[in-house]
Amino acid sequence: MKLTRRLTLAAFAGALALGTAMPAFAADLIAIITPAHDNPFFKAEAVGAEAKAKELGYETLLMTHDDDANKQSEMIDTAIGRGAKAIILDNAGADASVAAVKKAKDAGIPSFLIDREINATGVAVAQIVSNNYQGAQLGAQEFVKLMGEKGNYVELVGKESDTNAGIRSQGYHDVIDDYPDLKSVAKQSANWSQTEAYSKMETILQANPDIKGVISGNDTMAMGAIAALQAAGRKDVIVVGFDGSNDVRDSIKSGGIKATVLQPAYAQAQLAVEQADAYIKTKTAPKEEKQLMDCVLINADNSGKLETFALTN
């Protein structure tokens, strides 16, 4: 689907700097549903959303669906049963989540989606997502530069049911495929998992010992890949991730992973809560349902400014 509005980091900073609206009644509840918090990106979303909701006077209900659409549906039922005023949701699948979001809408509860879009419009009030294609192109351009425009490489792809996985992969290839001396020798899904990425990287490395680089669909898989490479004594292999986690920041600073792409998860979640607050109080919806947030390349030059999916001054 075409995303029609781009919000830059500067615009987000401005939005977050706006004056706080009048507090909600203490009984008002906002449900915050994300994938599991063992991934720091999703934890940052939950923490950001919870902090903003409490600042605005709401009670919060935090739940994790573990990328299980059935579990997500049960959590939507819980939010409905608890009389939530709004739902902040990082969903469990572009197609599988449509029915759950519609169920909330039919119950009179607006949903504000973050990070991942769904394959429907007019069901959620807002879908605030990172500009994954733009971010992937940034990461791919840095990868090409680091690779010296040549060599065999591996791509680790995220969960296939997640729209972001496909968009990032396409963004990577629309850059890398222009360089004929860069050759893909393996492309495998590690389902956003560090453990799975470690295992996949071990197997790929055995079959392709001459690889020069790994480009990953997220930082968690990049961390699994670099761990497997280091265990095999392959400190020469270039690894690039996507998300902007503190773990990858630390790896960049120590000379491990070479680059990543920042998605400001914390600010994104806070913006969703601000839009939910406006909708709860005045029925004011954002001008566009689909809202894009630009990503930022992180490498050795600016990694010291990265903290919890945000750049500090």
C-alpha atoms as a PDB file:
ATOM      1  CA  MET A   1       0.000   0.000   0.000  1.00  0.00           C
ATOM      2  CA  LYS A   2       1.156   3.492  -0.702  1.00  0.00           C
ATOM      3  CA  LEU A   3       2.026   5.420   2.425  1.00  0.00           C
ATOM      4  CA  THR A   4       1.069   9.008   1.836  1.00  0.00           C
ATOM      5  CA  ARG A   5       2.644  11.053   4.590  1.00  0.00           C
ATOM      6  CA  ARG A   6       6.244  11.349   5.673  1.00  0.00           C
ATOM      7  CA  LEU A   7       7.156  12.484   9.157  1.00  0.00           C
ATOM      8  CA  THR A   8      10.833  13.269   9.615  1.00  0.00           C
ATOM      9  CA  LEU A   9      12.637  13.004  12.912  1.00  0.00           C
ATOM     10  CA  ALA A  10      12.452  16.759  13.222  1.00  0.00           C
ATOM     11  CA  ALA A  11       8.691  16.664  12.788  1.00  0.00           C
ATOM     12  CA  PHE A  12       8.443  14.000  15.460  1.00  0.00           C
ATOM     13  CA  ALA A  13      10.535  16.054  17.835  1.00  0.00           C
ATOM     14  CA  GLY A  14       8.230  19.000  17.216  1.00  0.00           C
ATOM     15  CA  ALA A  15       5.133  16.889  17.769  1.00  0.00           C
ATOM     16  CA  LEU A  16       6.480  15.571  21.045  1.00  0.00           C
ATOM     17  CA  ALA A  17       7.330  19.082  22.176  1.00  0.00           C
ATOM     18  CA  LEU A  18       3.741  20.299  21.903  1.00  0.00           C
ATOM     19  CA  GLY A  19       1.930  21.175  25.084  1.00  0.00           C
ATOM     20  CA  THR A  20       0.267  18.369  27.004  1.00  0.00           C
ATOM     21  CA  ALA A  21      -3.505  18.227  26.833  1.00  0.00           C
ATOM     22  CA  MET A  22      -5.673  18.188  29.940  1.00  0.00           C
ATOM     23  CA  PRO A  23      -5.284  14.946  31.909  1.00  0.00           C
ATOM     24  CA  ALA A  24      -7.745  12.139  31.323  1.00  0.00           C
ATOM     25  CA  PHE A  25      -9.866  10.687  34.072  1.00  0.00           C
ATOM     26  CA  ALA A  26      -7.892   8.162  36.117  1.00  0.00           C
ATOM     27  CA  ALA A  27     -10.280   5.403  35.100  1.00  0.00           C
ATOM     28  CA  ASP A  28      -9.433   5.850  31.409  1.00  0.00           C
ATOM     29  CA  LEU A  29      -7.359   2.949  30.119  1.00  0.00           C
ATOM     30  CA  ILE A  30      -5.072   2.602  27.113  1.00  0.00           C
ATOM     31  CA  ALA A  31      -4.075  -0.936  26.101  1.00  0.00           C
ATOM     32  CA  ILE A  32      -0.558  -1.317  24.681  1.00  0.00           C
ATOM     33  CA  ILE A  33      -0.011  -4.532  22.735  1.00  0.00           C
ATOM     34  CA  THR A  34       3.343  -5.420  21.158  1.00  0.00           C
ATOM     35  CA  PRO A  35       5.458  -8.441  20.303  1.00  0.00           C
ATOM     36  CA  ALA A  36       7.616  -9.885  23.102  1.00  0.00           C
ATOM     37  CA  HIS A  37       9.801  -7.519  25.110  1.00  0.00           C
ATOM     38  CA  ASP A  38      12.878  -9.738  24.837  1.00  0.00           C
ATOM     39  CA  ASN A  39      13.414  -7.804  21.608  1.00  0.00           C
ATOM     40  CA  PRO A  40      14.585  -4.355  22.809  1.00  0.00           C
ATOM     41  CA  PHE A  41      12.824  -2.609  19.919  1.00  0.00           C
ATOM     42  CA  PHE A  42       9.404  -3.816  21.062  1.00  0.00           C
ATOM     43  CA  LYS A  43      10.241  -3.100  24.685  1.00  0.00           C
ATOM     44  CA  ALA A  44      11.151   0.474  23.725  1.00  0.00           C
ATOM     45  CA  GLU A  45       7.765   0.833  22.028  1.00  0.00           C
ATOM     46  CA  ALA A  46       5.954  -0.352  25.142  1.00  0.00           C
ATOM     47  CA  VAL A  47       8.016   1.815  27.482  1.00  0.00           C
ATOM     48  CA  GLY A  48       7.543   4.889  25.301  1.00  0.00           C
ATOM     49  CA  ALA A  49       3.808   4.391  24.941  1.00  0.00           C
ATOM     50  CA  GLU A  50       3.342   3.689  28.650  1.00  0.00           C
ATOM     51  CA  ALA A  51       5.345   6.749  29.694  1.00  0.00           C
ATOM     52  CA  LYS A  52       3.349   9.082  27.438  1.00  0.00           C
ATOM     53  CA  ALA A  53       0.008   7.542  28.460  1.00  0.00           C
ATOM     54  CA  LYS A  54       0.783   7.971  32.157  1.00  0.00           C
ATOM     55  CA  GLU A  55       1.974  11.522  31.535  1.00  0.00           C
ATOM     56  CA  LEU A  56      -1.427  12.243  29.987  1.00  0.00           C
ATOM     57  CA  GLY A  57      -3.232  10.732  32.976  1.00  0.00           C
ATOM     58  CA  TYR A  58      -4.203   7.300  31.658  1.00  0.00           C
ATOM     59  CA  GLU A  59      -3.972   3.903  33.222  1.00  0.00           C
ATOM     60  CA  THR A  60      -2.170   1.375  31.029  1.00  0.00           C
ATOM     61  CA  LEU A  61      -2.467  -2.300  30.262  1.00  0.00           C
ATOM     62  CA  LEU A  62       0.666  -3.825  28.679  1.00  0.00           C
ATOM     63  CA  MET A  63       0.390  -7.127  26.833  1.00  0.00           C
ATOM     64  CA  THR A  64       2.623  -9.084  24.427  1.00  0.00           C
ATOM     65  CA  HIS A  65       1.309 -11.329  21.656  1.00  0.00           C
ATOM     66  CA  ASP A  66       4.603 -13.040  20.665  1.00  0.00           C
ATOM     67  CA  ASP A  67       3.660 -12.627  16.973  1.00  0.00           C
ATOM     68  CA  ASP A  68       0.767 -15.032  17.518  1.00  0.00           C
ATOM     69  CA  ALA A  69      -2.386 -13.726  15.811  1.00  0.00           C
ATOM     70  CA  ASN A  70      -4.666 -15.894  17.963  1.00  0.00           C
ATOM     71  CA  LYS A  71      -3.054 -14.600  21.150  1.00  0.00           C
ATOM     72  CA  GLN A  72      -3.371 -11.064  19.788  1.00  0.00           C
ATOM     73  CA  SER A  73      -7.087 -11.604  19.205  1.00  0.00           C
ATOM     74  CA  GLU A  74      -7.487 -12.721  22.814  1.00  0.00           C
ATOM     75  CA  MET A  75      -5.691  -9.578  23.974  1.00  0.00           C
ATOM     76  CA  ILE A  76      -7.996  -7.399  21.901  1.00  0.00           C
ATOM     77  CA  ASP A  77     -10.875  -9.174  23.665  1.00  0.00           C
ATOM     78  CA  THR A  78      -9.238  -8.356  26.999  1.00  0.00           C
ATOM     79  CA  ALA A  79      -8.906  -4.692  26.024  1.00  0.00           C
ATOM     80  CA  ILE A  80     -12.569  -4.632  24.988  1.00  0.00           C
ATOM     81  CA  GLY A  81     -13.605  -6.338  28.211  1.00  0.00           C
ATOM     82  CA  ARG A  82     -11.624  -3.862  30.292  1.00  0.00           C
ATOM     83  CA  GLY A  83     -13.278  -0.947  28.512  1.00  0.00           C
ATOM     84  CA  ALA A  84     -10.083   0.464  27.058  1.00  0.00           C
ATOM     85  CA  LYS A  85     -10.419   3.907  25.481  1.00  0.00           C
ATOM     86  CA  ALA A  86      -7.808   3.109  22.822  1.00  0.00           C
ATOM     87  CA  ILE A  87      -5.382   0.419  21.719  1.00  0.00           C
ATOM     88  CA  ILE A  88      -1.754   1.008  20.735  1.00  0.00           C
ATOM     89  CA  LEU A  89      -0.758  -2.006  18.640  1.00  0.00           C
ATOM     90  CA  ASP A  90       2.370  -3.366  16.976  1.00  0.00           C
ATOM     91  CA  ASN A  91       0.510  -6.126  15.204  1.00  0.00           C
ATOM     92  CA  ALA A  92       1.054  -9.840  14.638  1.00  0.00           C
ATOM     93  CA  GLY A  93       0.707  -9.907  10.857  1.00  0.00           C
ATOM     94  CA  ALA A  94      -0.464  -7.648   8.048  1.00  0.00           C
ATOM     95  CA  ASP A  95      -3.328  -9.927   7.023  1.00  0.00           C
ATOM     96  CA  ALA A  96      -3.926 -11.854  10.241  1.00  0.00           C
ATOM     97  CA  SER A  97      -4.456  -8.698  12.304  1.00  0.00           C
ATOM     98  CA  VAL A  98      -7.176  -7.041  10.220  1.00  0.00           C
ATOM     99  CA  ALA A  99     -10.031  -8.950  11.871  1.00  0.00           C
ATOM    100  CA  ALA A 100      -8.772  -8.185  15.392  1.00  0.00           C
ATOM    101  CA  VAL A 101      -8.430  -4.452  14.706  1.00  0.00           C
ATOM    102  CA  LYS A 102     -11.896  -4.423  13.122  1.00  0.00           C
ATOM    103  CA  LYS A 103     -13.279  -6.225  16.162  1.00  0.00           C
ATOM    104  CA  ALA A 104     -11.950  -3.417  18.361  1.00  0.00           C
ATOM    105  CA  LYS A 105     -13.412  -0.792  16.035  1.00  0.00           C
ATOM    106  CA  ASP A 106     -16.824  -2.499  16.099  1.00  0.00           C
ATOM    107  CA  ALA A 107     -16.649  -2.406  19.905  1.00  0.00           C
ATOM    108  CA  GLY A 108     -16.061   1.352  19.751  1.00  0.00           C
ATOM    109  CA  ILE A 109     -12.345   1.194  20.587  1.00  0.00           C
ATOM    110  CA  PRO A 110      -9.970   3.004  18.195  1.00  0.00           C
ATOM    111  CA  SER A 111      -6.650   1.384  17.314  1.00  0.00           C
ATOM    112  CA  PHE A 112      -3.399   3.222  16.648  1.00  0.00           C
ATOM    113  CA  LEU A 113      -0.884   0.989  14.911  1.00  0.00           C
ATOM    114  CA  ILE A 114       2.873   1.419  15.191  1.00  0.00           C
ATOM    115  CA  ASP A 115       5.862  -0.118  13.395  1.00  0.00           C
ATOM    116  CA  ARG A 116       3.867  -2.518  11.192  1.00  0.00           C
ATOM    117  CA  GLU A 117       0.993  -1.717   8.886  1.00  0.00           C
ATOM    118  CA  ILE A 118      -1.967  -3.960   8.125  1.00  0.00           C
ATOM    119  CA  ASN A 119      -3.384  -4.750   4.705  1.00  0.00           C
ATOM    120  CA  ALA A 120      -6.516  -2.662   5.167  1.00  0.00           C
ATOM    121  CA  THR A 121      -7.404   0.999   5.528  1.00  0.00           C
ATOM    122  CA  GLY A 122     -10.274   2.564   7.430  1.00  0.00           C
ATOM    123  CA  VAL A 123     -10.055  -0.030  10.206  1.00  0.00           C
ATOM    124  CA  ALA A 124      -7.381   1.586  12.375  1.00  0.00           C
ATOM    125  CA  VAL A 125      -7.450   5.317  13.087  1.00  0.00           C
ATOM    126  CA  ALA A 126      -3.702   5.594  12.464  1.00  0.00           C
ATOM    127  CA  GLN A 127      -0.856   3.489  11.130  1.00  0.00           C
ATOM    128  CA  ILE A 128       2.454   5.095  12.098  1.00  0.00           C
ATOM    129  CA  VAL A 129       5.336   3.186  10.573  1.00  0.00           C
ATOM    130  CA  SER A 130       8.970   3.709   9.774  1.00  0.00           C
ATOM    131  CA  ASN A 131       9.881   4.394   6.164  1.00  0.00           C
ATOM    132  CA  ASN A 132      11.300   0.909   5.834  1.00  0.00           C
ATOM    133  CA  TYR A 133      12.106   1.210   2.143  1.00  0.00           C
ATOM    134  CA  GLN A 134      14.005   4.476   2.607  1.00  0.00           C
ATOM    135  CA  GLY A 135      15.815   3.017   5.629  1.00  0.00           C
ATOM    136  CA  ALA A 136      16.726  -0.158   3.779  1.00  0.00           C
ATOM    137  CA  GLN A 137      18.191   1.863   0.952  1.00  0.00           C
ATOM    138  CA  LEU A 138      20.337   3.793   3.453  1.00  0.00           C
ATOM    139  CA  GLY A 139      21.569   0.527   4.936  1.00  0.00           C
ATOM    140  CA  ALA A 140      22.223  -0.998   1.523  1.00  0.00           C
ATOM    141  CA  GLN A 141      24.180   2.024   0.335  1.00  0.00           C
ATOM    142  CA  GLU A 142      26.424   1.780   3.389  1.00  0.00           C
ATOM    143  CA  PHE A 143      26.752  -1.985   2.891  1.00  0.00           C
ATOM    144  CA  VAL A 144      27.842  -1.508  -0.730  1.00  0.00           C
ATOM    145  CA  LYS A 145      30.424   1.059   0.375  1.00  0.00           C
ATOM    146  CA  LEU A 146      31.775  -1.175   3.150  1.00  0.00           C
ATOM    147  CA  MET A 147      31.958  -4.131   0.758  1.00  0.00           C
ATOM    148  CA  GLY A 148      33.929  -2.120  -1.775  1.00  0.00           C
ATOM    149  CA  GLU A 149      31.164  -2.881  -4.313  1.00  0.00           C
ATOM    150  CA  LYS A 150      32.196  -6.545  -4.648  1.00  0.00           C
ATOM    151  CA  GLY A 151      32.133  -9.916  -2.904  1.00  0.00           C
ATOM    152  CA  ASN A 152      29.780 -12.707  -1.872  1.00  0.00           C
ATOM    153  CA  TYR A 153      27.179 -11.820   0.701  1.00  0.00           C
ATOM    154  CA  VAL A 154      24.308 -13.282   2.730  1.00  0.00           C
ATOM    155  CA  GLU A 155      20.901 -11.771   3.512  1.00  0.00           C
ATOM    156  CA  LEU A 156      18.980 -12.644   6.671  1.00  0.00           C
ATOM    157  CA  VAL A 157      15.276 -11.895   6.242  1.00  0.00           C
ATOM    158  CA  GLY A 158      12.652 -11.327   8.926  1.00  0.00           C
ATOM    159  CA  LYS A 159       9.358 -13.122   9.474  1.00  0.00           C
ATOM    160  CA  GLU A 160       7.747 -13.705   6.096  1.00  0.00           C
ATOM    161  CA  SER A 161       4.256 -12.743   7.327  1.00  0.00           C
ATOM    162  CA  ASP A 162       5.556  -9.304   8.344  1.00  0.00           C
ATOM    163  CA  THR A 163       5.207  -6.660   5.640  1.00  0.00           C
ATOM    164  CA  ASN A 164       8.346  -4.917   6.904  1.00  0.00           C
ATOM    165  CA  ALA A 165      10.489  -7.954   6.118  1.00  0.00           C
ATOM    166  CA  GLY A 166       9.575  -7.826   2.438  1.00  0.00           C
ATOM    167  CA  ILE A 167       9.857  -4.036   2.166  1.00  0.00           C
ATOM    168  CA  ARG A 168      13.331  -4.007   3.706  1.00  0.00           C
ATOM    169  CA  SER A 169      14.526  -6.843   1.504  1.00  0.00           C
ATOM    170  CA  GLN A 170      13.235  -5.020  -1.583  1.00  0.00           C
ATOM    171  CA  GLY A 171      14.944  -1.817  -0.484  1.00  0.00           C
ATOM    172  CA  TYR A 172      18.211  -3.682  -0.036  1.00  0.00           C
ATOM    173  CA  HIS A 173      18.049  -5.318  -3.444  1.00  0.00           C
ATOM    174  CA  ASP A 174      17.009  -2.187  -5.314  1.00  0.00           C
ATOM    175  CA  VAL A 175      20.433  -0.819  -4.341  1.00  0.00           C
ATOM    176  CA  ILE A 176      22.689  -3.880  -4.149  1.00  0.00           C
ATOM    177  CA  ASP A 177      21.481  -5.455  -7.393  1.00  0.00           C
ATOM    178  CA  ASP A 178      22.922  -2.507  -9.311  1.00  0.00           C
ATOM    179  CA  TYR A 179      26.398  -3.825  -8.454  1.00  0.00           C
ATOM    180  CA  PRO A 180      27.116  -6.961 -10.515  1.00  0.00           C
ATOM    181  CA  ASP A 181      30.215  -7.858  -8.497  1.00  0.00           C
ATOM    182  CA  LEU A 182      28.125  -8.204  -5.323  1.00  0.00           C
ATOM    183  CA  LYS A 183      26.784 -11.755  -5.380  1.00  0.00           C
ATOM    184  CA  SER A 184      24.076 -13.146  -3.084  1.00  0.00           C
ATOM    185  CA  VAL A 185      25.029 -16.695  -2.079  1.00  0.00           C
ATOM    186  CA  ALA A 186      22.294 -17.225   0.537  1.00  0.00           C
ATOM    187  CA  LYS A 187      19.006 -15.580   1.535  1.00  0.00           C
ATOM    188  CA  GLN A 188      17.204 -17.109   4.505  1.00  0.00           C
ATOM    189  CA  SER A 189      14.574 -16.085   7.008  1.00  0.00           C
ATOM    190  CA  ALA A 190      15.622 -16.132  10.641  1.00  0.00           C
ATOM    191  CA  ASN A 191      12.204 -14.844  11.780  1.00  0.00           C
ATOM    192  CA  TRP A 192      13.638 -11.771  13.559  1.00  0.00           C
ATOM    193  CA  SER A 193      15.297 -14.161  16.068  1.00  0.00           C
ATOM    194  CA  GLN A 194      18.862 -13.899  17.396  1.00  0.00           C
ATOM    195  CA  THR A 195      19.022 -17.603  18.246  1.00  0.00           C
ATOM    196  CA  GLU A 196      17.724 -18.627  14.838  1.00  0.00           C
ATOM    197  CA  ALA A 197      20.074 -16.211  13.093  1.00  0.00           C
ATOM    198  CA  TYR A 198      23.043 -17.707  14.955  1.00  0.00           C
ATOM    199  CA  SER A 199      22.059 -21.202  13.834  1.00  0.00           C
ATOM    200  CA  LYS A 200      21.359 -20.154  10.247  1.00  0.00           C
ATOM    201  CA  MET A 201      24.637 -18.250  10.066  1.00  0.00           C
ATOM    202  CA  GLU A 202      26.604 -21.274  11.255  1.00  0.00           C
ATOM    203  CA  THR A 203      25.075 -23.420   8.513  1.00  0.00           C
ATOM    204  CA  ILE A 204      25.472 -20.777   5.804  1.00  0.00           C
ATOM    205  CA  LEU A 205      29.097 -20.187   6.749  1.00  0.00           C
ATOM    206  CA  GLN A 206      29.921 -23.870   6.459  1.00  0.00           C
ATOM    207  CA  ALA A 207      28.477 -23.966   2.942  1.00  0.00           C
ATOM    208  CA  ASN A 208      29.910 -20.575   1.921  1.00  0.00           C
ATOM    209  CA  PRO A 209      33.224 -19.972   3.703  1.00  0.00           C
ATOM    210  CA  ASP A 210      34.170 -17.233   1.240  1.00  0.00           C
ATOM    211  CA  ILE A 211      31.431 -14.776   2.250  1.00  0.00           C
ATOM    212  CA  LYS A 212      32.469 -11.185   2.772  1.00  0.00           C
ATOM    213  CA  GLY A 213      29.287  -9.637   4.156  1.00  0.00           C
ATOM    214  CA  VAL A 214      25.908 -10.135   5.843  1.00  0.00           C
ATOM    215  CA  ILE A 215      22.982  -7.720   5.544  1.00  0.00           C
ATOM    216  CA  SER A 216      20.213  -8.327   8.043  1.00  0.00           C
ATOM    217  CA  GLY A 217      16.543  -7.354   8.201  1.00  0.00           C
ATOM    218  CA  ASN A 218      16.850  -6.370  11.860  1.00  0.00           C
ATOM    219  CA  ASP A 219      19.411  -5.860  14.614  1.00  0.00           C
ATOM    220  CA  THR A 220      18.418  -8.944  16.576  1.00  0.00           C
ATOM    221  CA  MET A 221      19.324 -11.204  13.651  1.00  0.00           C
ATOM    222  CA  ALA A 222      22.460  -9.140  13.046  1.00  0.00           C
ATOM    223  CA  MET A 223      23.538  -9.837  16.626  1.00  0.00           C
ATOM    224  CA  GLY A 224      23.009 -13.563  16.070  1.00  0.00           C
ATOM    225  CA  ALA A 225      25.010 -13.418  12.845  1.00  0.00           C
ATOM    226  CA  ILE A 226      27.969 -11.543  14.335  1.00  0.00           C
ATOM    227  CA  ALA A 227      28.080 -13.950  17.283  1.00  0.00           C
ATOM    228  CA  ALA A 228      28.251 -16.957  14.948  1.00  0.00           C
ATOM    229  CA  LEU A 229      30.904 -15.281  12.804  1.00  0.00           C
ATOM    230  CA  GLN A 230      33.023 -14.359  15.804  1.00  0.00           C
ATOM    231  CA  ALA A 231      32.718 -17.885  17.190  1.00  0.00           C
ATOM    232  CA  ALA A 232      34.098 -19.126  13.868  1.00  0.00           C
ATOM    233  CA  GLY A 233      36.953 -16.629  14.018  1.00  0.00           C
ATOM    234  CA  ARG A 234      35.558 -14.624  11.102  1.00  0.00           C
ATOM    235  CA  LYS A 235      36.039 -11.059  12.249  1.00  0.00           C
ATOM    236  CA  ASP A 236      36.603 -10.031   8.631  1.00  0.00           C
ATOM    237  CA  VAL A 237      32.938 -10.372   7.604  1.00  0.00           C
ATOM    238  CA  ILE A 238      30.976  -7.105   7.321  1.00  0.00           C
ATOM    239  CA  VAL A 239      27.582  -7.122   9.095  1.00  0.00           C
ATOM    240  CA  VAL A 240      24.883  -4.447   8.722  1.00  0.00           C
ATOM    241  CA  GLY A 241      21.613  -4.458  10.664  1.00  0.00           C
ATOM    242  CA  PHE A 242      18.358  -2.496  10.906  1.00  0.00           C
ATOM    243  CA  ASP A 243      16.584  -0.977  13.967  1.00  0.00           C
ATOM    244  CA  GLY A 244      19.148   1.021  15.939  1.00  0.00           C
ATOM    245  CA  SER A 245      19.344  -1.012  19.137  1.00  0.00           C
ATOM    246  CA  ASN A 246      21.729  -0.297  21.996  1.00  0.00           C
ATOM    247  CA  ASP A 247      23.236  -3.772  21.556  1.00  0.00           C
ATOM    248  CA  VAL A 248      24.205  -3.004  17.972  1.00  0.00           C
ATOM    249  CA  ARG A 249      25.391   0.463  18.981  1.00  0.00           C
ATOM    250  CA  ASP A 250      27.781  -1.176  21.428  1.00  0.00           C
ATOM    251  CA  SER A 251      28.874  -3.690  18.788  1.00  0.00           C
ATOM    252  CA  ILE A 252      29.603  -0.856  16.328  1.00  0.00           C
ATOM    253  CA  LYS A 253      31.641   0.997  18.958  1.00  0.00           C
ATOM    254  CA  SER A 254      33.695  -2.125  19.656  1.00  0.00           C
ATOM    255  CA  GLY A 255      34.358  -2.824  15.970  1.00  0.00           C
ATOM    256  CA  GLY A 256      31.895  -5.686  15.465  1.00  0.00           C
ATOM    257  CA  ILE A 257      28.782  -4.819  13.444  1.00  0.00           C
ATOM    258  CA  LYS A 258      29.575  -1.989  11.049  1.00  0.00           C
ATOM    259  CA  ALA A 259      26.241  -0.152  10.668  1.00  0.00           C
ATOM    260  CA  THR A 260      22.515  -0.204  11.296  1.00  0.00           C
ATOM    261  CA  VAL A 261      19.455   1.907  10.449  1.00  0.00           C
ATOM    262  CA  LEU A 262      17.617   3.715  13.237  1.00  0.00           C
ATOM    263  CA  GLN A 263      13.871   3.466  13.658  1.00  0.00           C
ATOM    264  CA  PRO A 264      12.879   5.813  16.515  1.00  0.00           C
ATOM    265  CA  ALA A 265      10.574   3.295  18.194  1.00  0.00           C
ATOM    266  CA  TYR A 266      10.165   5.256  21.419  1.00  0.00           C
ATOM    267  CA  ALA A 267       9.083   8.493  19.737  1.00  0.00           C
ATOM    268  CA  GLN A 268       6.855   6.607  17.317  1.00  0.00           C
ATOM    269  CA  ALA A 269       4.961   4.970  20.171  1.00  0.00           C
ATOM    270  CA  GLN A 270       4.633   8.270  22.010  1.00  0.00           C
ATOM    271  CA  LEU A 271       3.184   9.955  18.950  1.00  0.00           C
ATOM    272  CA  ALA A 272       0.598   7.164  18.675  1.00  0.00           C
ATOM    273  CA  VAL A 273      -0.489   7.808  22.275  1.00  0.00           C
ATOM    274  CA  GLU A 274      -0.732  11.557  21.623  1.00  0.00           C
ATOM    275  CA  GLN A 275      -2.962  10.882  18.622  1.00  0.00           C
ATOM    276  CA  ALA A 276      -5.042   8.451  20.682  1.00  0.00           C
ATOM    277  CA  ASP A 277      -5.440  11.090  23.396  1.00  0.00           C
ATOM    278  CA  ALA A 278      -6.672  13.649  20.866  1.00  0.00           C
ATOM    279  CA  TYR A 279      -9.120  11.142  19.413  1.00  0.00           C
ATOM    280  CA  ILE A 280     -10.448  10.081  22.824  1.00  0.00           C
ATOM    281  CA  LYS A 281     -11.075  13.660  23.913  1.00  0.00           C
ATOM    282  CA  THR A 282     -12.216  15.373  20.724  1.00  0.00           C
ATOM    283  CA  LYS A 283     -12.681  12.602  18.121  1.00  0.00           C
ATOM    284  CA  THR A 284      -9.922  14.340  16.172  1.00  0.00           C
ATOM    285  CA  ALA A 285      -8.209  11.866  13.856  1.00  0.00           C
ATOM    286  CA  PRO A 286      -4.858  12.505  12.158  1.00  0.00           C
ATOM    287  CA  LYS A 287      -5.105  13.996   8.659  1.00  0.00           C
ATOM    288  CA  GLU A 288      -3.705  10.786   7.192  1.00  0.00           C
ATOM    289  CA  GLU A 289      -4.160   7.263   8.500  1.00  0.00           C
ATOM    290  CA  LYS A 290      -0.840   6.101   7.035  1.00  0.00           C
ATOM    291  CA  GLN A 291       2.107   8.097   8.377  1.00  0.00           C
ATOM    292  CA  LEU A 292       5.746   7.520   7.452  1.00  0.00           C
ATOM    293  CA  MET A 293       8.734   8.231   9.651  1.00  0.00           C
ATOM    294  CA  ASP A 294      12.160   8.506   8.034  1.00  0.00           C
ATOM    295  CA  CYS A 295      15.055   6.359   9.248  1.00  0.00           C
ATOM    296  CA  VAL A 296      18.655   7.398   9.945  1.00  0.00           C
ATOM    297  CA  LEU A 297      21.901   5.579   9.146  1.00  0.00           C
ATOM    298  CA  ILE A 298      23.975   4.692  12.222  1.00  0.00           C
ATOM    299  CA  ASN A 299      27.669   3.896  11.864  1.00  0.00           C
ATOM    300  CA  ALA A 300      30.910   4.573  13.715  1.00  0.00           C
ATOM    301  CA  ASP A 301      30.514   8.308  13.086  1.00  0.00           C
ATOM    302  CA  ASN A 302      27.303   8.781  15.099  1.00  0.00           C
ATOM    303  CA  SER A 303      26.796   5.600  17.136  1.00  0.00           C
ATOM    304  CA  GLY A 304      27.834   7.427  20.305  1.00  0.00           C
ATOM    305  CA  LYS A 305      24.681   9.554  20.035  1.00  0.00           C
ATOM    306  CA  LEU A 306      22.327   6.564  19.917  1.00  0.00           C
ATOM    307  CA  GLU A 307      20.322   5.733  23.025  1.00  0.00           C
ATOM    308  CA  THR A 308      17.207   3.534  23.221  1.00  0.00           C
ATOM    309  CA  PHE A 309      16.170   3.943  19.568  1.00  0.00           C
ATOM    310  CA  ALA A 310      16.702   7.701  19.540  1.00  0.00           C
ATOM    311  CA  LEU A 311      19.540  10.073  18.687  1.00  0.00           C
ATOM    312  CA  THR A 312      20.663  12.411  21.453  1.00  0.00           C
ATOM    313  CA  ASN A 313      22.231  15.812  20.855  1.00  0.00           C
END
